[in-house]
Amino acid sequence: MRRDIFQAIADPTRRAIIALIAIQAMTPNAIAEHFDTTRQAVSKHLKILTECELVKQEHQGREIYYQLEIDKMKEIDKWLEQFRKIWESRFEQLDILLSTIKKQKK
């Protein structure tokens, strides 16, 4: 089943995993050490993140390291950009209003 990247980031544990491996590639065991859950549960989260292409596996000897797929994260950023522009505009309007009120009080 092909999953959507937004399904992947909907879960707080998966967001935390993304934050961990954004800093450096990690093995499943190293990732699991950061959570109060089983290694199998972390593996399920990694499977979903891999299916969504947010992380990729790299084999180094007998170890598998997971690393963040930056280009796929850009897809999320692109979607968020529309909301960022709306909020920036609203903050600018609020700033103008507050400046006007401040001038009127003087």
N, C-alpha and C. Protein backbone atom coordinates (compact mmCIF):
# COMPACT_ATOMS: atom_id res chain seq x y z
N MET A 1 0.83 -1.18 0.00
CA MET A 1 0.00 0.00 0.00
C MET A 1 0.88 1.25 0.00
N ARG A 2 0.68 2.10 -0.93
CA ARG A 2 1.43 3.36 -1.02
C ARG A 2 0.84 4.35 -0.04
N ARG A 3 1.69 4.87 0.81
CA ARG A 3 1.24 5.81 1.83
C ARG A 3 1.58 7.24 1.43
N ASP A 4 0.86 8.15 2.02
CA ASP A 4 1.02 9.57 1.80
C ASP A 4 2.00 10.12 2.83
N ILE A 5 2.84 11.08 2.46
CA ILE A 5 3.81 11.63 3.40
C ILE A 5 3.13 12.30 4.59
N PHE A 6 1.93 12.80 4.38
CA PHE A 6 1.23 13.46 5.47
C PHE A 6 0.70 12.45 6.48
N GLN A 7 0.42 11.23 6.04
CA GLN A 7 0.08 10.16 6.97
C GLN A 7 1.31 9.85 7.83
N ALA A 8 2.46 9.89 7.23
CA ALA A 8 3.70 9.57 7.95
C ALA A 8 3.98 10.59 9.04
N ILE A 9 3.82 11.85 8.74
CA ILE A 9 4.17 12.87 9.73
C ILE A 9 3.02 13.15 10.70
N ALA A 10 1.89 12.50 10.51
CA ALA A 10 0.75 12.69 11.42
C ALA A 10 1.04 12.08 12.79
N ASP A 11 1.90 11.11 12.86
CA ASP A 11 2.19 10.42 14.11
C ASP A 11 3.35 11.10 14.84
N PRO A 12 3.19 11.42 16.13
CA PRO A 12 4.26 12.11 16.87
C PRO A 12 5.55 11.29 16.99
N THR A 13 5.43 9.98 17.07
CA THR A 13 6.64 9.15 17.16
C THR A 13 7.43 9.23 15.85
N ARG A 14 6.73 9.19 14.74
CA ARG A 14 7.43 9.28 13.45
C ARG A 14 8.05 10.66 13.26
N ARG A 15 7.38 11.70 13.73
CA ARG A 15 7.99 13.04 13.66
C ARG A 15 9.25 13.10 14.51
N ALA A 16 9.21 12.45 15.66
CA ALA A 16 10.39 12.42 16.52
C ALA A 16 11.53 11.63 15.87
N ILE A 17 11.19 10.54 15.19
CA ILE A 17 12.21 9.76 14.47
C ILE A 17 12.83 10.61 13.37
N ILE A 18 12.00 11.34 12.64
CA ILE A 18 12.50 12.22 11.58
C ILE A 18 13.47 13.24 12.17
N ALA A 19 13.11 13.82 13.31
CA ALA A 19 13.98 14.81 13.95
C ALA A 19 15.32 14.18 14.36
N LEU A 20 15.28 12.95 14.85
CA LEU A 20 16.51 12.26 15.24
C LEU A 20 17.44 12.02 14.06
N ILE A 21 16.89 11.46 12.99
CA ILE A 21 17.75 11.09 11.87
C ILE A 21 18.06 12.27 10.96
N ALA A 22 17.42 13.41 11.21
CA ALA A 22 17.78 14.62 10.46
C ALA A 22 19.19 15.06 10.85
N ILE A 23 19.58 14.75 12.07
CA ILE A 23 20.89 15.13 12.58
C ILE A 23 21.96 14.18 12.07
N GLN A 24 21.67 12.88 12.13
CA GLN A 24 22.63 11.88 11.65
C GLN A 24 21.91 10.57 11.37
N ALA A 25 22.47 9.79 10.48
CA ALA A 25 21.91 8.47 10.17
C ALA A 25 22.04 7.58 11.41
N MET A 26 21.03 6.76 11.63
CA MET A 26 21.01 5.92 12.82
C MET A 26 20.49 4.53 12.50
N THR A 27 20.92 3.56 13.31
CA THR A 27 20.40 2.20 13.21
C THR A 27 19.06 2.13 13.93
N PRO A 28 18.24 1.14 13.62
CA PRO A 28 16.97 0.99 14.34
C PRO A 28 17.16 0.87 15.85
N ASN A 29 18.20 0.15 16.27
CA ASN A 29 18.44 0.02 17.72
C ASN A 29 18.78 1.36 18.35
N ALA A 30 19.58 2.15 17.68
CA ALA A 30 19.94 3.47 18.20
C ALA A 30 18.71 4.37 18.27
N ILE A 31 17.85 4.27 17.29
CA ILE A 31 16.61 5.05 17.29
C ILE A 31 15.71 4.59 18.44
N ALA A 32 15.57 3.28 18.60
CA ALA A 32 14.69 2.71 19.63
C ALA A 32 15.11 3.13 21.04
N GLU A 33 16.39 3.38 21.25
CA GLU A 33 16.88 3.80 22.57
C GLU A 33 16.28 5.13 23.02
N HIS A 34 15.80 5.93 22.08
CA HIS A 34 15.24 7.24 22.39
C HIS A 34 13.76 7.18 22.74
N PHE A 35 13.17 6.01 22.68
CA PHE A 35 11.73 5.88 22.90
C PHE A 35 11.42 4.84 23.96
N ASP A 36 10.32 5.04 24.62
CA ASP A 36 9.85 4.09 25.62
C ASP A 36 8.88 3.12 24.93
N THR A 37 9.42 2.38 23.98
CA THR A 37 8.63 1.44 23.20
C THR A 37 9.54 0.30 22.74
N THR A 38 8.96 -0.68 22.10
CA THR A 38 9.75 -1.83 21.65
C THR A 38 10.49 -1.53 20.36
N ARG A 39 11.49 -2.31 20.10
CA ARG A 39 12.25 -2.20 18.85
C ARG A 39 11.33 -2.50 17.67
N GLN A 40 10.38 -3.43 17.86
CA GLN A 40 9.44 -3.80 16.80
C GLN A 40 8.52 -2.62 16.45
N ALA A 41 8.10 -1.88 17.45
CA ALA A 41 7.24 -0.72 17.20
C ALA A 41 8.01 0.34 16.40
N VAL A 42 9.26 0.55 16.76
CA VAL A 42 10.09 1.50 16.01
C VAL A 42 10.28 1.02 14.58
N SER A 43 10.46 -0.27 14.40
CA SER A 43 10.61 -0.84 13.05
C SER A 43 9.37 -0.60 12.20
N LYS A 44 8.20 -0.70 12.81
CA LYS A 44 6.95 -0.43 12.06
C LYS A 44 6.90 1.04 11.63
N HIS A 45 7.31 1.93 12.51
CA HIS A 45 7.34 3.35 12.15
C HIS A 45 8.35 3.59 11.03
N LEU A 46 9.51 2.95 11.12
CA LEU A 46 10.52 3.10 10.07
C LEU A 46 10.02 2.55 8.74
N LYS A 47 9.25 1.48 8.79
CA LYS A 47 8.69 0.90 7.55
C LYS A 47 7.76 1.91 6.88
N ILE A 48 6.92 2.54 7.67
CA ILE A 48 6.00 3.54 7.11
C ILE A 48 6.78 4.72 6.54
N LEU A 49 7.76 5.20 7.27
CA LEU A 49 8.58 6.32 6.79
C LEU A 49 9.33 5.95 5.50
N THR A 50 9.75 4.70 5.41
CA THR A 50 10.44 4.22 4.21
C THR A 50 9.47 4.13 3.04
N GLU A 51 8.27 3.60 3.29
CA GLU A 51 7.25 3.50 2.24
C GLU A 51 6.88 4.88 1.70
N CYS A 52 6.90 5.87 2.56
CA CYS A 52 6.57 7.24 2.15
C CYS A 52 7.77 7.97 1.56
N GLU A 53 8.91 7.28 1.54
CA GLU A 53 10.15 7.81 0.99
C GLU A 53 10.68 9.02 1.76
N LEU A 54 10.33 9.10 3.05
CA LEU A 54 10.87 10.16 3.89
C LEU A 54 12.21 9.78 4.47
N VAL A 55 12.47 8.48 4.56
CA VAL A 55 13.77 7.99 5.00
C VAL A 55 14.25 6.94 4.01
N LYS A 56 15.55 6.77 3.98
CA LYS A 56 16.09 5.70 3.14
C LYS A 56 17.07 4.88 3.96
N GLN A 57 17.22 3.65 3.53
CA GLN A 57 18.11 2.72 4.21
C GLN A 57 19.46 2.70 3.51
N GLU A 58 20.50 2.61 4.33
CA GLU A 58 21.84 2.44 3.78
C GLU A 58 22.50 1.30 4.56
N HIS A 59 22.94 0.29 3.83
CA HIS A 59 23.59 -0.85 4.45
C HIS A 59 25.08 -0.58 4.61
N GLN A 60 25.56 -0.78 5.83
CA GLN A 60 26.99 -0.66 6.12
C GLN A 60 27.37 -1.92 6.89
N GLY A 61 27.94 -2.85 6.17
CA GLY A 61 28.24 -4.15 6.78
C GLY A 61 26.95 -4.86 7.11
N ARG A 62 26.83 -5.29 8.36
CA ARG A 62 25.60 -5.97 8.78
C ARG A 62 24.56 -5.00 9.32
N GLU A 63 24.92 -3.76 9.45
CA GLU A 63 24.01 -2.75 10.01
C GLU A 63 23.23 -2.04 8.91
N ILE A 64 22.03 -1.64 9.25
CA ILE A 64 21.21 -0.80 8.38
C ILE A 64 21.08 0.55 9.07
N TYR A 65 21.42 1.60 8.34
CA TYR A 65 21.28 2.95 8.85
C TYR A 65 20.15 3.64 8.11
N TYR A 66 19.37 4.38 8.86
CA TYR A 66 18.28 5.15 8.27
C TYR A 66 18.69 6.61 8.26
N GLN A 67 18.45 7.24 7.12
CA GLN A 67 18.75 8.67 7.01
C GLN A 67 17.59 9.38 6.34
N LEU A 68 17.48 10.66 6.63
CA LEU A 68 16.38 11.47 6.14
C LEU A 68 16.53 11.73 4.65
N GLU A 69 15.44 11.68 3.95
CA GLU A 69 15.39 11.97 2.51
C GLU A 69 14.95 13.43 2.37
N ILE A 70 15.92 14.32 2.28
CA ILE A 70 15.67 15.77 2.31
C ILE A 70 14.73 16.22 1.19
N ASP A 71 14.89 15.69 0.00
CA ASP A 71 14.05 16.12 -1.12
C ASP A 71 12.58 15.86 -0.86
N LYS A 72 12.28 14.79 -0.18
CA LYS A 72 10.88 14.47 0.12
C LYS A 72 10.34 15.44 1.17
N MET A 73 11.20 15.89 2.07
CA MET A 73 10.78 16.87 3.08
C MET A 73 10.41 18.19 2.41
N LYS A 74 11.02 18.49 1.28
CA LYS A 74 10.71 19.72 0.56
C LYS A 74 9.26 19.71 0.08
N GLU A 75 8.71 18.53 -0.17
CA GLU A 75 7.32 18.40 -0.58
C GLU A 75 6.39 18.90 0.54
N ILE A 76 6.74 18.59 1.76
CA ILE A 76 5.97 19.06 2.92
C ILE A 76 6.11 20.57 3.04
N ASP A 77 7.33 21.05 2.90
CA ASP A 77 7.60 22.48 3.01
C ASP A 77 6.83 23.26 1.95
N LYS A 78 6.76 22.72 0.76
CA LYS A 78 6.03 23.39 -0.33
C LYS A 78 4.55 23.53 0.02
N TRP A 79 3.98 22.48 0.60
CA TRP A 79 2.58 22.52 0.99
C TRP A 79 2.37 23.54 2.12
N LEU A 80 3.30 23.58 3.07
CA LEU A 80 3.19 24.51 4.20
C LEU A 80 3.39 25.97 3.78
N GLU A 81 4.09 26.19 2.70
CA GLU A 81 4.40 27.55 2.25
C GLU A 81 3.14 28.39 2.05
N GLN A 82 2.08 27.80 1.54
CA GLN A 82 0.84 28.56 1.33
C GLN A 82 0.30 29.11 2.65
N PHE A 83 0.42 28.33 3.71
CA PHE A 83 -0.06 28.77 5.02
C PHE A 83 0.91 29.78 5.65
N ARG A 84 2.19 29.58 5.39
CA ARG A 84 3.19 30.51 5.89
C ARG A 84 2.93 31.91 5.34
N LYS A 85 2.59 31.99 4.06
CA LYS A 85 2.32 33.28 3.44
C LYS A 85 1.09 33.94 4.05
N ILE A 86 0.06 33.15 4.31
CA ILE A 86 -1.16 33.68 4.93
C ILE A 86 -0.85 34.26 6.30
N TRP A 87 -0.12 33.49 7.11
CA TRP A 87 0.18 33.96 8.47
C TRP A 87 1.12 35.15 8.48
N GLU A 88 2.08 35.18 7.58
CA GLU A 88 2.97 36.33 7.51
C GLU A 88 2.17 37.60 7.18
N SER A 89 1.22 37.46 6.27
CA SER A 89 0.37 38.59 5.91
C SER A 89 -0.45 39.05 7.11
N ARG A 90 -1.00 38.10 7.86
CA ARG A 90 -1.79 38.45 9.04
C ARG A 90 -0.94 39.12 10.12
N PHE A 91 0.28 38.65 10.29
CA PHE A 91 1.16 39.26 11.27
C PHE A 91 1.54 40.68 10.86
N GLU A 92 1.74 40.88 9.56
CA GLU A 92 2.04 42.22 9.07
C GLU A 92 0.87 43.16 9.33
N GLN A 93 -0.35 42.67 9.09
CA GLN A 93 -1.55 43.48 9.35
C GLN A 93 -1.67 43.81 10.83
N LEU A 94 -1.38 42.84 11.69
CA LEU A 94 -1.43 43.06 13.13
C LEU A 94 -0.38 44.09 13.55
N ASP A 95 0.79 44.00 12.96
CA ASP A 95 1.86 44.94 13.28
C ASP A 95 1.44 46.37 12.90
N ILE A 96 0.83 46.53 11.76
CA ILE A 96 0.36 47.84 11.32
C ILE A 96 -0.71 48.36 12.28
N LEU A 97 -1.63 47.49 12.66
CA LEU A 97 -2.69 47.88 13.59
C LEU A 97 -2.12 48.31 14.94
N LEU A 98 -1.18 47.54 15.45
CA LEU A 98 -0.58 47.88 16.75
C LEU A 98 0.20 49.19 16.66
N SER A 99 0.88 49.42 15.55
CA SER A 99 1.60 50.69 15.36
C SER A 99 0.63 51.86 15.32
N THR A 100 -0.48 51.67 14.66
CA THR A 100 -1.50 52.72 14.56
C THR A 100 -2.07 53.04 15.94
N ILE A 101 -2.38 52.01 16.70
CA ILE A 101 -2.93 52.20 18.05
C ILE A 101 -1.90 52.91 18.94
N LYS A 102 -0.65 52.51 18.82
CA LYS A 102 0.41 53.12 19.62
C LYS A 102 0.55 54.61 19.29
N LYS A 103 0.47 54.96 18.00
CA LYS A 103 0.57 56.37 17.58
C LYS A 103 -0.62 57.18 18.09
N GLN A 104 -1.80 56.57 18.10
CA GLN A 104 -3.00 57.27 18.55
C GLN A 104 -2.96 57.57 20.04
N LYS A 105 -2.29 56.72 20.81
CA LYS A 105 -2.18 56.92 22.25
C LYS A 105 -1.21 58.04 22.59
N LYS A 106 -0.27 58.33 21.70
CA LYS A 106 0.72 59.38 21.95
C LYS A 106 0.13 60.68 21.64
